[in-house]
Amino acid sequence: AKVRENAPNQHPYGVDNSPIIYVDDVDDDGTINAGDGDRAWL
């Protein structure tokens, strides 16, 4: 509602930081495939 209102001198904050990714390519084939057990977490 605050973003939609867009009032002067008011800046709402949401997901206000850089995402971090953990990647585990279990078979080291260069492809992240969940079917192979590879993992990517955000």
Full PDB file with SEQRES, HELIX, SHEET, SSBOND, CRYST1, ORIGX, SCALE, CONECT and MASTER records, all heavy atoms in Angstrom:
SEQRES   1 A   42  ALA LYS VAL ARG GLU ASN ALA PRO ASN GLN HIS PRO TYR          
SEQRES   2 A   42  GLY VAL ASP ASN SER PRO ILE ILE TYR VAL ASP ASP VAL          
SEQRES   3 A   42  ASP ASP ASP GLY THR ILE ASN ALA GLY ASP GLY ASP ARG          
SEQRES   4 A   42  ALA TRP LEU                                                  
HELIX    1 AA1 LYS A    2  GLU A    5  1                                   4    
HELIX    2 AA2 ALA A   34  ASP A   36  5                                   3    
SHEET    1 AA1 2 TYR A  22  ASP A  24  0                                        
SHEET    2 AA1 2 ARG A  39  TRP A  41 -1                                        
CRYST1    1.000    1.000    1.000  90.00  90.00  90.00 P 1           1          
ORIGX1      1.000000  0.000000  0.000000        0.00000                         
ORIGX2      0.000000  1.000000  0.000000        0.00000                         
ORIGX3      0.000000  0.000000  1.000000        0.00000                         
SCALE1      1.000000  0.000000  0.000000        0.00000                         
SCALE2      0.000000  1.000000  0.000000        0.00000                         
SCALE3      0.000000  0.000000  1.000000        0.00000                         
ATOM      1  N   ALA A   1       0.833  -1.211   0.000  1.00  0.00           N  
ATOM      2  CA  ALA A   1       0.000   0.000   0.000  1.00  0.00           C  
ATOM      3  C   ALA A   1       0.864   1.255   0.000  1.00  0.00           C  
ATOM      4  O   ALA A   1       0.515   2.254  -0.639  1.00  0.00           O  
ATOM      5  CB  ALA A   1      -0.936  -0.008   1.202  1.00  0.00           C  
ATOM      6  N   LYS A   2       1.990   1.208   0.692  1.00  0.00           N  
ATOM      7  CA  LYS A   2       2.878   2.380   0.741  1.00  0.00           C  
ATOM      8  C   LYS A   2       3.510   2.633  -0.621  1.00  0.00           C  
ATOM      9  O   LYS A   2       3.633   3.779  -1.058  1.00  0.00           O  
ATOM     10  CB  LYS A   2       3.958   2.167   1.799  1.00  0.00           C  
ATOM     11  CG  LYS A   2       3.431   2.087   3.222  1.00  0.00           C  
ATOM     12  CD  LYS A   2       4.558   1.813   4.212  1.00  0.00           C  
ATOM     13  CE  LYS A   2       4.034   1.689   5.626  1.00  0.00           C  
ATOM     14  NZ  LYS A   2       5.120   1.369   6.593  1.00  0.00           N  
ATOM     15  N   VAL A   3       3.896   1.555  -1.298  1.00  0.00           N  
ATOM     16  CA  VAL A   3       4.480   1.715  -2.629  1.00  0.00           C  
ATOM     17  C   VAL A   3       3.443   2.265  -3.599  1.00  0.00           C  
ATOM     18  O   VAL A   3       3.723   3.162  -4.404  1.00  0.00           O  
ATOM     19  CB  VAL A   3       5.038   0.373  -3.131  1.00  0.00           C  
ATOM     20  CG1 VAL A   3       5.489   0.496  -4.583  1.00  0.00           C  
ATOM     21  CG2 VAL A   3       6.194  -0.090  -2.266  1.00  0.00           C  
ATOM     22  N   ARG A   4       2.224   1.727  -3.507  1.00  0.00           N  
ATOM     23  CA  ARG A   4       1.167   2.195  -4.405  1.00  0.00           C  
ATOM     24  C   ARG A   4       0.828   3.657  -4.145  1.00  0.00           C  
ATOM     25  O   ARG A   4       0.621   4.438  -5.085  1.00  0.00           O  
ATOM     26  CB  ARG A   4      -0.076   1.319  -4.219  1.00  0.00           C  
ATOM     27  CG  ARG A   4      -1.233   1.677  -5.138  1.00  0.00           C  
ATOM     28  CD  ARG A   4      -2.454   0.835  -4.796  1.00  0.00           C  
ATOM     29  NE  ARG A   4      -3.611   1.138  -5.620  1.00  0.00           N  
ATOM     30  CZ  ARG A   4      -4.838   0.699  -5.379  1.00  0.00           C  
ATOM     31  NH1 ARG A   4      -5.056  -0.086  -4.317  1.00  0.00           N  
ATOM     32  NH2 ARG A   4      -5.845   1.032  -6.167  1.00  0.00           N  
ATOM     33  N   GLU A   5       0.814   4.059  -2.892  1.00  0.00           N  
ATOM     34  CA  GLU A   5       0.515   5.452  -2.545  1.00  0.00           C  
ATOM     35  C   GLU A   5       1.592   6.397  -3.069  1.00  0.00           C  
ATOM     36  O   GLU A   5       1.298   7.499  -3.524  1.00  0.00           O  
ATOM     37  CB  GLU A   5       0.404   5.589  -1.025  1.00  0.00           C  
ATOM     38  CG  GLU A   5       0.080   7.003  -0.564  1.00  0.00           C  
ATOM     39  CD  GLU A   5       0.111   7.136   0.942  1.00  0.00           C  
ATOM     40  OE1 GLU A   5       0.566   6.200   1.627  1.00  0.00           O  
ATOM     41  OE2 GLU A   5      -0.306   8.199   1.443  1.00  0.00           O  
ATOM     42  N   ASN A   6       2.855   5.966  -2.988  1.00  0.00           N  
ATOM     43  CA  ASN A   6       3.979   6.744  -3.522  1.00  0.00           C  
ATOM     44  C   ASN A   6       3.985   8.166  -2.966  1.00  0.00           C  
ATOM     45  O   ASN A   6       4.121   9.155  -3.705  1.00  0.00           O  
ATOM     46  CB  ASN A   6       3.927   6.773  -5.053  1.00  0.00           C  
ATOM     47  CG  ASN A   6       5.241   7.215  -5.664  1.00  0.00           C  
ATOM     48  OD1 ASN A   6       6.294   7.062  -5.059  1.00  0.00           O  
ATOM     49  ND2 ASN A   6       5.176   7.780  -6.861  1.00  0.00           N  
ATOM     50  N   ALA A   7       3.835   8.271  -1.653  1.00  0.00           N  
ATOM     51  CA  ALA A   7       3.779   9.582  -1.011  1.00  0.00           C  
ATOM     52  C   ALA A   7       5.144  10.259  -1.037  1.00  0.00           C  
ATOM     53  O   ALA A   7       6.186   9.594  -1.012  1.00  0.00           O  
ATOM     54  CB  ALA A   7       3.297   9.435   0.435  1.00  0.00           C  
ATOM     55  N   PRO A   8       5.179  11.597  -1.080  1.00  0.00           N  
ATOM     56  CA  PRO A   8       6.465  12.311  -1.043  1.00  0.00           C  
ATOM     57  C   PRO A   8       7.223  12.021   0.250  1.00  0.00           C  
ATOM     58  O   PRO A   8       6.628  11.824   1.316  1.00  0.00           O  
ATOM     59  CB  PRO A   8       6.052  13.779  -1.122  1.00  0.00           C  
ATOM     60  CG  PRO A   8       4.668  13.772  -1.691  1.00  0.00           C  
ATOM     61  CD  PRO A   8       4.039  12.501  -1.213  1.00  0.00           C  
ATOM     62  N   ASN A   9       8.533  12.002   0.143  1.00  0.00           N  
ATOM     63  CA  ASN A   9       9.415  11.822   1.311  1.00  0.00           C  
ATOM     64  C   ASN A   9       9.153  10.526   2.063  1.00  0.00           C  
ATOM     65  O   ASN A   9       9.351  10.452   3.274  1.00  0.00           O  
ATOM     66  CB  ASN A   9       9.284  13.016   2.273  1.00  0.00           C  
ATOM     67  CG  ASN A   9       9.603  14.332   1.589  1.00  0.00           C  
ATOM     68  OD1 ASN A   9      10.571  14.437   0.855  1.00  0.00           O  
ATOM     69  ND2 ASN A   9       8.767  15.333   1.829  1.00  0.00           N  
ATOM     70  N   GLN A  10       8.673   9.528   1.349  1.00  0.00           N  
ATOM     71  CA  GLN A  10       8.443   8.217   1.969  1.00  0.00           C  
ATOM     72  C   GLN A  10       8.977   7.142   1.029  1.00  0.00           C  
ATOM     73  O   GLN A  10       8.519   7.011  -0.100  1.00  0.00           O  
ATOM     74  CB  GLN A  10       6.946   7.995   2.211  1.00  0.00           C  
ATOM     75  CG  GLN A  10       6.605   6.593   2.722  1.00  0.00           C  
ATOM     76  CD  GLN A  10       5.116   6.399   2.906  1.00  0.00           C  
ATOM     77  OE1 GLN A  10       4.549   6.798   3.908  1.00  0.00           O  
ATOM     78  NE2 GLN A  10       4.456   5.790   1.923  1.00  0.00           N  
ATOM     79  N   HIS A  11       9.961   6.401   1.509  1.00  0.00           N  
ATOM     80  CA  HIS A  11      10.526   5.338   0.666  1.00  0.00           C  
ATOM     81  C   HIS A  11      10.412   4.016   1.401  1.00  0.00           C  
ATOM     82  O   HIS A  11      11.205   3.725   2.303  1.00  0.00           O  
ATOM     83  CB  HIS A  11      11.990   5.616   0.336  1.00  0.00           C  
ATOM     84  CG  HIS A  11      12.576   4.592  -0.598  1.00  0.00           C  
ATOM     85  ND1 HIS A  11      13.105   3.395  -0.162  1.00  0.00           N  
ATOM     86  CD2 HIS A  11      12.686   4.565  -1.946  1.00  0.00           C  
ATOM     87  CE1 HIS A  11      13.521   2.685  -1.197  1.00  0.00           C  
ATOM     88  NE2 HIS A  11      13.277   3.378  -2.293  1.00  0.00           N  
ATOM     89  N   PRO A  12       9.436   3.186   1.048  1.00  0.00           N  
ATOM     90  CA  PRO A  12       9.325   1.876   1.700  1.00  0.00           C  
ATOM     91  C   PRO A  12      10.485   0.971   1.286  1.00  0.00           C  
ATOM     92  O   PRO A  12      11.086   1.138   0.216  1.00  0.00           O  
ATOM     93  CB  PRO A  12       7.998   1.323   1.172  1.00  0.00           C  
ATOM     94  CG  PRO A  12       7.288   2.498   0.581  1.00  0.00           C  
ATOM     95  CD  PRO A  12       8.350   3.426   0.110  1.00  0.00           C  
ATOM     96  N   TYR A  13      10.788   0.007   2.125  1.00  0.00           N  
ATOM     97  CA  TYR A  13      11.843  -0.960   1.846  1.00  0.00           C  
ATOM     98  C   TYR A  13      11.261  -2.359   1.840  1.00  0.00           C  
ATOM     99  O   TYR A  13      10.385  -2.687   2.634  1.00  0.00           O  
ATOM    100  CB  TYR A  13      12.955  -0.867   2.895  1.00  0.00           C  
ATOM    101  CG  TYR A  13      13.725   0.430   2.830  1.00  0.00           C  
ATOM    102  CD1 TYR A  13      13.325   1.529   3.584  1.00  0.00           C  
ATOM    103  CD2 TYR A  13      14.837   0.558   2.008  1.00  0.00           C  
ATOM    104  CE1 TYR A  13      14.023   2.722   3.528  1.00  0.00           C  
ATOM    105  CE2 TYR A  13      15.541   1.745   1.942  1.00  0.00           C  
ATOM    106  CZ  TYR A  13      15.127   2.825   2.705  1.00  0.00           C  
ATOM    107  OH  TYR A  13      15.823   4.006   2.633  1.00  0.00           O  
ATOM    108  N   GLY A  14      11.767  -3.199   0.942  1.00  0.00           N  
ATOM    109  CA  GLY A  14      11.302  -4.571   0.837  1.00  0.00           C  
ATOM    110  C   GLY A  14      12.444  -5.548   0.922  1.00  0.00           C  
ATOM    111  O   GLY A  14      13.069  -5.718   1.966  1.00  0.00           O  
ATOM    112  N   VAL A  15      12.754  -6.207  -0.198  1.00  0.00           N  
ATOM    113  CA  VAL A  15      13.895  -7.126  -0.265  1.00  0.00           C  
ATOM    114  C   VAL A  15      15.083  -6.278  -0.714  1.00  0.00           C  
ATOM    115  O   VAL A  15      15.433  -6.195  -1.888  1.00  0.00           O  
ATOM    116  CB  VAL A  15      13.616  -8.290  -1.243  1.00  0.00           C  
ATOM    117  CG1 VAL A  15      14.773  -9.287  -1.221  1.00  0.00           C  
ATOM    118  CG2 VAL A  15      12.311  -8.997  -0.860  1.00  0.00           C  
ATOM    119  N   ASP A  16      15.721  -5.639   0.267  1.00  0.00           N  
ATOM    120  CA  ASP A  16      16.618  -4.515   0.019  1.00  0.00           C  
ATOM    121  C   ASP A  16      18.094  -4.903   0.144  1.00  0.00           C  
ATOM    122  O   ASP A  16      18.913  -4.091   0.564  1.00  0.00           O  
ATOM    123  CB  ASP A  16      16.279  -3.390   1.007  1.00  0.00           C  
ATOM    124  CG  ASP A  16      17.040  -2.100   0.737  1.00  0.00           C  
ATOM    125  OD1 ASP A  16      17.226  -1.770  -0.441  1.00  0.00           O  
ATOM    126  OD2 ASP A  16      17.450  -1.444   1.710  1.00  0.00           O  
ATOM    127  N   ASN A  17      18.444  -6.139  -0.175  1.00  0.00           N  
ATOM    128  CA  ASN A  17      19.849  -6.534  -0.087  1.00  0.00           C  
ATOM    129  C   ASN A  17      20.161  -7.513  -1.215  1.00  0.00           C  
ATOM    130  O   ASN A  17      19.259  -8.108  -1.813  1.00  0.00           O  
ATOM    131  CB  ASN A  17      20.161  -7.175   1.267  1.00  0.00           C  
ATOM    132  CG  ASN A  17      21.577  -6.902   1.720  1.00  0.00           C  
ATOM    133  OD1 ASN A  17      22.375  -6.289   1.012  1.00  0.00           O  
ATOM    134  ND2 ASN A  17      21.919  -7.355   2.916  1.00  0.00           N  
ATOM    135  N   SER A  18      21.434  -7.685  -1.496  1.00  0.00           N  
ATOM    136  CA  SER A  18      21.843  -8.553  -2.589  1.00  0.00           C  
ATOM    137  C   SER A  18      21.599 -10.019  -2.247  1.00  0.00           C  
ATOM    138  O   SER A  18      21.933 -10.466  -1.141  1.00  0.00           O  
ATOM    139  CB  SER A  18      23.328  -8.345  -2.895  1.00  0.00           C  
ATOM    140  OG  SER A  18      23.577  -7.010  -3.287  1.00  0.00           O  
ATOM    141  N   PRO A  19      21.034 -10.784  -3.175  1.00  0.00           N  
ATOM    142  CA  PRO A  19      20.828 -12.219  -2.925  1.00  0.00           C  
ATOM    143  C   PRO A  19      22.154 -12.961  -2.900  1.00  0.00           C  
ATOM    144  O   PRO A  19      23.106 -12.591  -3.583  1.00  0.00           O  
ATOM    145  CB  PRO A  19      19.959 -12.667  -4.100  1.00  0.00           C  
ATOM    146  CG  PRO A  19      20.210 -11.660  -5.173  1.00  0.00           C  
ATOM    147  CD  PRO A  19      20.530 -10.369  -4.492  1.00  0.00           C  
ATOM    148  N   ILE A  20      22.194 -14.024  -2.117  1.00  0.00           N  
ATOM    149  CA  ILE A  20      23.362 -14.907  -2.025  1.00  0.00           C  
ATOM    150  C   ILE A  20      22.940 -16.300  -2.475  1.00  0.00           C  
ATOM    151  O   ILE A  20      21.880 -16.794  -2.072  1.00  0.00           O  
ATOM    152  CB  ILE A  20      23.912 -14.954  -0.584  1.00  0.00           C  
ATOM    153  CG1 ILE A  20      24.380 -13.555  -0.145  1.00  0.00           C  
ATOM    154  CG2 ILE A  20      25.050 -15.956  -0.472  1.00  0.00           C  
ATOM    155  CD1 ILE A  20      25.531 -12.990  -0.946  1.00  0.00           C  
ATOM    156  N   ILE A  21      23.766 -16.929  -3.296  1.00  0.00           N  
ATOM    157  CA  ILE A  21      23.448 -18.249  -3.845  1.00  0.00           C  
ATOM    158  C   ILE A  21      24.491 -19.266  -3.390  1.00  0.00           C  
ATOM    159  O   ILE A  21      25.697 -19.014  -3.477  1.00  0.00           O  
ATOM    160  CB  ILE A  21      23.424 -18.237  -5.388  1.00  0.00           C  
ATOM    161  CG1 ILE A  21      22.615 -17.047  -5.925  1.00  0.00           C  
ATOM    162  CG2 ILE A  21      22.884 -19.557  -5.920  1.00  0.00           C  
ATOM    163  CD1 ILE A  21      21.149 -17.125  -5.711  1.00  0.00           C  
ATOM    164  N   TYR A  22      24.028 -20.401  -2.901  1.00  0.00           N  
ATOM    165  CA  TYR A  22      24.907 -21.547  -2.638  1.00  0.00           C  
ATOM    166  C   TYR A  22      24.627 -22.586  -3.707  1.00  0.00           C  
ATOM    167  O   TYR A  22      23.473 -22.972  -3.932  1.00  0.00           O  
ATOM    168  CB  TYR A  22      24.657 -22.146  -1.255  1.00  0.00           C  
ATOM    169  CG  TYR A  22      25.331 -23.488  -1.050  1.00  0.00           C  
ATOM    170  CD1 TYR A  22      26.691 -23.560  -0.767  1.00  0.00           C  
ATOM    171  CD2 TYR A  22      24.619 -24.678  -1.182  1.00  0.00           C  
ATOM    172  CE1 TYR A  22      27.330 -24.782  -0.609  1.00  0.00           C  
ATOM    173  CE2 TYR A  22      25.242 -25.905  -1.020  1.00  0.00           C  
ATOM    174  CZ  TYR A  22      26.595 -25.952  -0.729  1.00  0.00           C  
ATOM    175  OH  TYR A  22      27.221 -27.170  -0.583  1.00  0.00           O  
ATOM    176  N   VAL A  23      25.675 -23.029  -4.407  1.00  0.00           N  
ATOM    177  CA  VAL A  23      25.528 -24.012  -5.488  1.00  0.00           C  
ATOM    178  C   VAL A  23      26.393 -25.225  -5.176  1.00  0.00           C  
ATOM    179  O   VAL A  23      27.564 -25.093  -4.800  1.00  0.00           O  
ATOM    180  CB  VAL A  23      25.933 -23.402  -6.852  1.00  0.00           C  
ATOM    181  CG1 VAL A  23      25.942 -24.476  -7.925  1.00  0.00           C  
ATOM    182  CG2 VAL A  23      24.976 -22.279  -7.233  1.00  0.00           C  
ATOM    183  N   ASP A  24      25.821 -26.424  -5.345  1.00  0.00           N  
ATOM    184  CA  ASP A  24      26.544 -27.681  -5.144  1.00  0.00           C  
ATOM    185  C   ASP A  24      26.308 -28.569  -6.359  1.00  0.00           C  
ATOM    186  O   ASP A  24      25.246 -29.171  -6.511  1.00  0.00           O  
ATOM    187  CB  ASP A  24      26.050 -28.371  -3.863  1.00  0.00           C  
ATOM    188  CG  ASP A  24      26.758 -29.691  -3.605  1.00  0.00           C  
ATOM    189  OD1 ASP A  24      27.854 -29.891  -4.160  1.00  0.00           O  
ATOM    190  OD2 ASP A  24      26.215 -30.510  -2.836  1.00  0.00           O  
ATOM    191  N   ASP A  25      27.298 -28.610  -7.240  1.00  0.00           N  
ATOM    192  CA  ASP A  25      27.253 -29.459  -8.434  1.00  0.00           C  
ATOM    193  C   ASP A  25      27.889 -30.797  -8.049  1.00  0.00           C  
ATOM    194  O   ASP A  25      29.089 -30.999  -8.188  1.00  0.00           O  
ATOM    195  CB  ASP A  25      28.023 -28.781  -9.565  1.00  0.00           C  
ATOM    196  CG  ASP A  25      28.001 -29.569 -10.872  1.00  0.00           C  
ATOM    197  OD1 ASP A  25      27.297 -30.598 -10.925  1.00  0.00           O  
ATOM    198  OD2 ASP A  25      28.715 -29.175 -11.809  1.00  0.00           O  
ATOM    199  N   VAL A  26      27.077 -31.732  -7.568  1.00  0.00           N  
ATOM    200  CA  VAL A  26      27.607 -32.939  -6.929  1.00  0.00           C  
ATOM    201  C   VAL A  26      28.423 -33.805  -7.873  1.00  0.00           C  
ATOM    202  O   VAL A  26      29.363 -34.499  -7.450  1.00  0.00           O  
ATOM    203  CB  VAL A  26      26.468 -33.773  -6.286  1.00  0.00           C  
ATOM    204  CG1 VAL A  26      25.830 -33.008  -5.146  1.00  0.00           C  
ATOM    205  CG2 VAL A  26      25.429 -34.182  -7.313  1.00  0.00           C  
ATOM    206  N   ASP A  27      28.065 -33.817  -9.170  1.00  0.00           N  
ATOM    207  CA  ASP A  27      28.814 -34.661 -10.101  1.00  0.00           C  
ATOM    208  C   ASP A  27      29.835 -33.864 -10.920  1.00  0.00           C  
ATOM    209  O   ASP A  27      30.459 -34.402 -11.836  1.00  0.00           O  
ATOM    210  CB  ASP A  27      27.871 -35.420 -11.042  1.00  0.00           C  
ATOM    211  CG  ASP A  27      26.855 -34.501 -11.709  1.00  0.00           C  
ATOM    212  OD1 ASP A  27      26.997 -33.267 -11.582  1.00  0.00           O  
ATOM    213  OD2 ASP A  27      25.920 -35.025 -12.346  1.00  0.00           O  
ATOM    214  N   ASP A  28      29.995 -32.582 -10.594  1.00  0.00           N  
ATOM    215  CA  ASP A  28      31.008 -31.728 -11.232  1.00  0.00           C  
ATOM    216  C   ASP A  28      30.928 -31.763 -12.756  1.00  0.00           C  
ATOM    217  O   ASP A  28      31.957 -31.740 -13.447  1.00  0.00           O  
ATOM    218  CB  ASP A  28      32.419 -32.143 -10.785  1.00  0.00           C  
ATOM    219  CG  ASP A  28      32.680 -31.848  -9.321  1.00  0.00           C  
ATOM    220  OD1 ASP A  28      32.195 -30.809  -8.849  1.00  0.00           O  
ATOM    221  OD2 ASP A  28      33.344 -32.655  -8.654  1.00  0.00           O  
ATOM    222  N   ASP A  29      29.715 -31.792 -13.298  1.00  0.00           N  
ATOM    223  CA  ASP A  29      29.592 -31.820 -14.759  1.00  0.00           C  
ATOM    224  C   ASP A  29      29.295 -30.442 -15.340  1.00  0.00           C  
ATOM    225  O   ASP A  29      29.072 -30.304 -16.545  1.00  0.00           O  
ATOM    226  CB  ASP A  29      28.516 -32.818 -15.188  1.00  0.00           C  
ATOM    227  CG  ASP A  29      27.119 -32.428 -14.720  1.00  0.00           C  
ATOM    228  OD1 ASP A  29      27.003 -31.461 -13.934  1.00  0.00           O  
ATOM    229  OD2 ASP A  29      26.148 -33.095 -15.131  1.00  0.00           O  
ATOM    230  N   GLY A  30      29.273 -29.424 -14.480  1.00  0.00           N  
ATOM    231  CA  GLY A  30      29.038 -28.071 -14.956  1.00  0.00           C  
ATOM    232  C   GLY A  30      27.584 -27.719 -15.155  1.00  0.00           C  
ATOM    233  O   GLY A  30      27.266 -26.597 -15.559  1.00  0.00           O  
ATOM    234  N   THR A  31      26.683 -28.654 -14.883  1.00  0.00           N  
ATOM    235  CA  THR A  31      25.246 -28.412 -15.020  1.00  0.00           C  
ATOM    236  C   THR A  31      24.572 -28.602 -13.673  1.00  0.00           C  
ATOM    237  O   THR A  31      24.830 -29.601 -12.981  1.00  0.00           O  
ATOM    238  CB  THR A  31      24.622 -29.372 -16.049  1.00  0.00           C  
ATOM    239  OG1 THR A  31      25.179 -29.090 -17.336  1.00  0.00           O  
ATOM    240  CG2 THR A  31      23.106 -29.207 -16.117  1.00  0.00           C  
ATOM    241  N   ILE A  32      23.741 -27.652 -13.287  1.00  0.00           N  
ATOM    242  CA  ILE A  32      22.980 -27.765 -12.041  1.00  0.00           C  
ATOM    243  C   ILE A  32      21.634 -28.385 -12.377  1.00  0.00           C  
ATOM    244  O   ILE A  32      20.726 -27.725 -12.889  1.00  0.00           O  
ATOM    245  CB  ILE A  32      22.806 -26.391 -11.375  1.00  0.00           C  
ATOM    246  CG1 ILE A  32      24.158 -25.713 -11.161  1.00  0.00           C  
ATOM    247  CG2 ILE A  32      22.062 -26.544 -10.046  1.00  0.00           C  
ATOM    248  CD1 ILE A  32      25.152 -26.547 -10.374  1.00  0.00           C  
ATOM    249  N   ASN A  33      21.532 -29.682 -12.103  1.00  0.00           N  
ATOM    250  CA  ASN A  33      20.342 -30.459 -12.433  1.00  0.00           C  
ATOM    251  C   ASN A  33      19.837 -31.118 -11.164  1.00  0.00           C  
ATOM    252  O   ASN A  33      20.500 -31.991 -10.601  1.00  0.00           O  
ATOM    253  CB  ASN A  33      20.688 -31.508 -13.492  1.00  0.00           C  
ATOM    254  CG  ASN A  33      19.459 -32.223 -14.029  1.00  0.00           C  
ATOM    255  OD1 ASN A  33      18.425 -32.288 -13.360  1.00  0.00           O  
ATOM    256  ND2 ASN A  33      19.563 -32.758 -15.232  1.00  0.00           N  
ATOM    257  N   ALA A  34      18.661 -30.702 -10.717  1.00  0.00           N  
ATOM    258  CA  ALA A  34      18.106 -31.260  -9.479  1.00  0.00           C  
ATOM    259  C   ALA A  34      17.936 -32.768  -9.571  1.00  0.00           C  
ATOM    260  O   ALA A  34      18.040 -33.474  -8.570  1.00  0.00           O  
ATOM    261  CB  ALA A  34      16.769 -30.597  -9.164  1.00  0.00           C  
ATOM    262  N   GLY A  35      17.695 -33.292 -10.782  1.00  0.00           N  
ATOM    263  CA  GLY A  35      17.547 -34.731 -10.968  1.00  0.00           C  
ATOM    264  C   GLY A  35      18.812 -35.506 -10.680  1.00  0.00           C  
ATOM    265  O   GLY A  35      18.759 -36.706 -10.395  1.00  0.00           O  
ATOM    266  N   ASP A  36      19.968 -34.841 -10.746  1.00  0.00           N  
ATOM    267  CA  ASP A  36      21.243 -35.489 -10.424  1.00  0.00           C  
ATOM    268  C   ASP A  36      21.644 -35.290  -8.969  1.00  0.00           C  
ATOM    269  O   ASP A  36      22.733 -35.694  -8.563  1.00  0.00           O  
ATOM    270  CB  ASP A  36      22.357 -34.919 -11.316  1.00  0.00           C  
ATOM    271  CG  ASP A  36      22.155 -35.251 -12.782  1.00  0.00           C  
ATOM    272  OD1 ASP A  36      21.439 -36.225 -13.066  1.00  0.00           O  
ATOM    273  OD2 ASP A  36      22.713 -34.531 -13.631  1.00  0.00           O  
ATOM    274  N   GLY A  37      20.782 -34.629  -8.201  1.00  0.00           N  
ATOM    275  CA  GLY A  37      21.120 -34.336  -6.810  1.00  0.00           C  
ATOM    276  C   GLY A  37      21.834 -33.016  -6.628  1.00  0.00           C  
ATOM    277  O   GLY A  37      22.249 -32.680  -5.511  1.00  0.00           O  
ATOM    278  N   ASP A  38      22.008 -32.246  -7.718  1.00  0.00           N  
ATOM    279  CA  ASP A  38      22.634 -30.931  -7.600  1.00  0.00           C  
ATOM    280  C   ASP A  38      21.710 -29.988  -6.834  1.00  0.00           C  
ATOM    281  O   ASP A  38      20.480 -30.125  -6.860  1.00  0.00           O  
ATOM    282  CB  ASP A  38      22.929 -30.351  -8.984  1.00  0.00           C  
ATOM    283  CG  ASP A  38      23.880 -31.217  -9.790  1.00  0.00           C  
ATOM    284  OD1 ASP A  38      24.679 -31.947  -9.168  1.00  0.00           O  
ATOM    285  OD2 ASP A  38      23.806 -31.169 -11.035  1.00  0.00           O  
ATOM    286  N   ARG A  39      22.325 -28.987  -6.207  1.00  0.00           N  
ATOM    287  CA  ARG A  39      21.545 -28.092  -5.356  1.00  0.00           C  
ATOM    288  C   ARG A  39      21.915 -26.643  -5.640  1.00  0.00           C  
ATOM    289  O   ARG A  39      23.087 -26.312  -5.843  1.00  0.00           O  
ATOM    290  CB  ARG A  39      21.780 -28.407  -3.878  1.00  0.00           C  
ATOM    291  CG  ARG A  39      21.459 -29.840  -3.500  1.00  0.00           C  
ATOM    292  CD  ARG A  39      21.739 -30.124  -2.047  1.00  0.00           C  
ATOM    293  NE  ARG A  39      23.162 -30.077  -1.716  1.00  0.00           N  
ATOM    294  CZ  ARG A  39      23.664 -30.323  -0.505  1.00  0.00           C  
ATOM    295  NH1 ARG A  39      22.842 -30.627   0.490  1.00  0.00           N  
ATOM    296  NH2 ARG A  39      24.961 -30.270  -0.281  1.00  0.00           N  
ATOM    297  N   ALA A  40      20.907 -25.780  -5.617  1.00  0.00           N  
ATOM    298  CA  ALA A  40      21.108 -24.333  -5.664  1.00  0.00           C  
ATOM    299  C   ALA A  40      20.142 -23.716  -4.668  1.00  0.00           C  
ATOM    300  O   ALA A  40      18.924 -23.912  -4.787  1.00  0.00           O  
ATOM    301  CB  ALA A  40      20.865 -23.790  -7.072  1.00  0.00           C  
ATOM    302  N   TRP A  41      20.684 -23.019  -3.682  1.00  0.00           N  
ATOM    303  CA  TRP A  41      19.866 -22.425  -2.621  1.00  0.00           C  
ATOM    304  C   TRP A  41      20.061 -20.920  -2.616  1.00  0.00           C  
ATOM    305  O   TRP A  41      21.178 -20.411  -2.735  1.00  0.00           O  
ATOM    306  CB  TRP A  41      20.247 -23.016  -1.262  1.00  0.00           C  
ATOM    307  CG  TRP A  41      20.010 -24.495  -1.170  1.00  0.00           C  
ATOM    308  CD1 TRP A  41      19.135 -25.244  -1.904  1.00  0.00           C  
ATOM    309  CD2 TRP A  41      20.679 -25.415  -0.297  1.00  0.00           C  
ATOM    310  NE1 TRP A  41      19.198 -26.560  -1.526  1.00  0.00           N  
ATOM    311  CE2 TRP A  41      20.132 -26.711  -0.544  1.00  0.00           C  
ATOM    312  CE3 TRP A  41      21.663 -25.294   0.679  1.00  0.00           C  
ATOM    313  CZ2 TRP A  41      20.551 -27.846   0.139  1.00  0.00           C  
ATOM    314  CZ3 TRP A  41      22.086 -26.419   1.370  1.00  0.00           C  
ATOM    315  CH2 TRP A  41      21.531 -27.690   1.102  1.00  0.00           C  
ATOM    316  N   LEU A  42      18.949 -20.214  -2.463  1.00  0.00           N  
ATOM    317  CA  LEU A  42      18.928 -18.752  -2.505  1.00  0.00           C  
ATOM    318  C   LEU A  42      18.657 -18.205  -1.109  1.00  0.00           C  
ATOM    319  O   LEU A  42      17.725 -18.648  -0.434  1.00  0.00           O  
ATOM    320  CB  LEU A  42      17.825 -18.301  -3.472  1.00  0.00           C  
ATOM    321  CG  LEU A  42      17.395 -16.833  -3.438  1.00  0.00           C  
ATOM    322  CD1 LEU A  42      18.539 -15.919  -3.872  1.00  0.00           C  
ATOM    323  CD2 LEU A  42      16.162 -16.633  -4.319  1.00  0.00           C  
TER     324      LEU A  42                                                      
MASTER        0    0    0    2    2    0    0    6  323    1    0    4          
END                                                                             
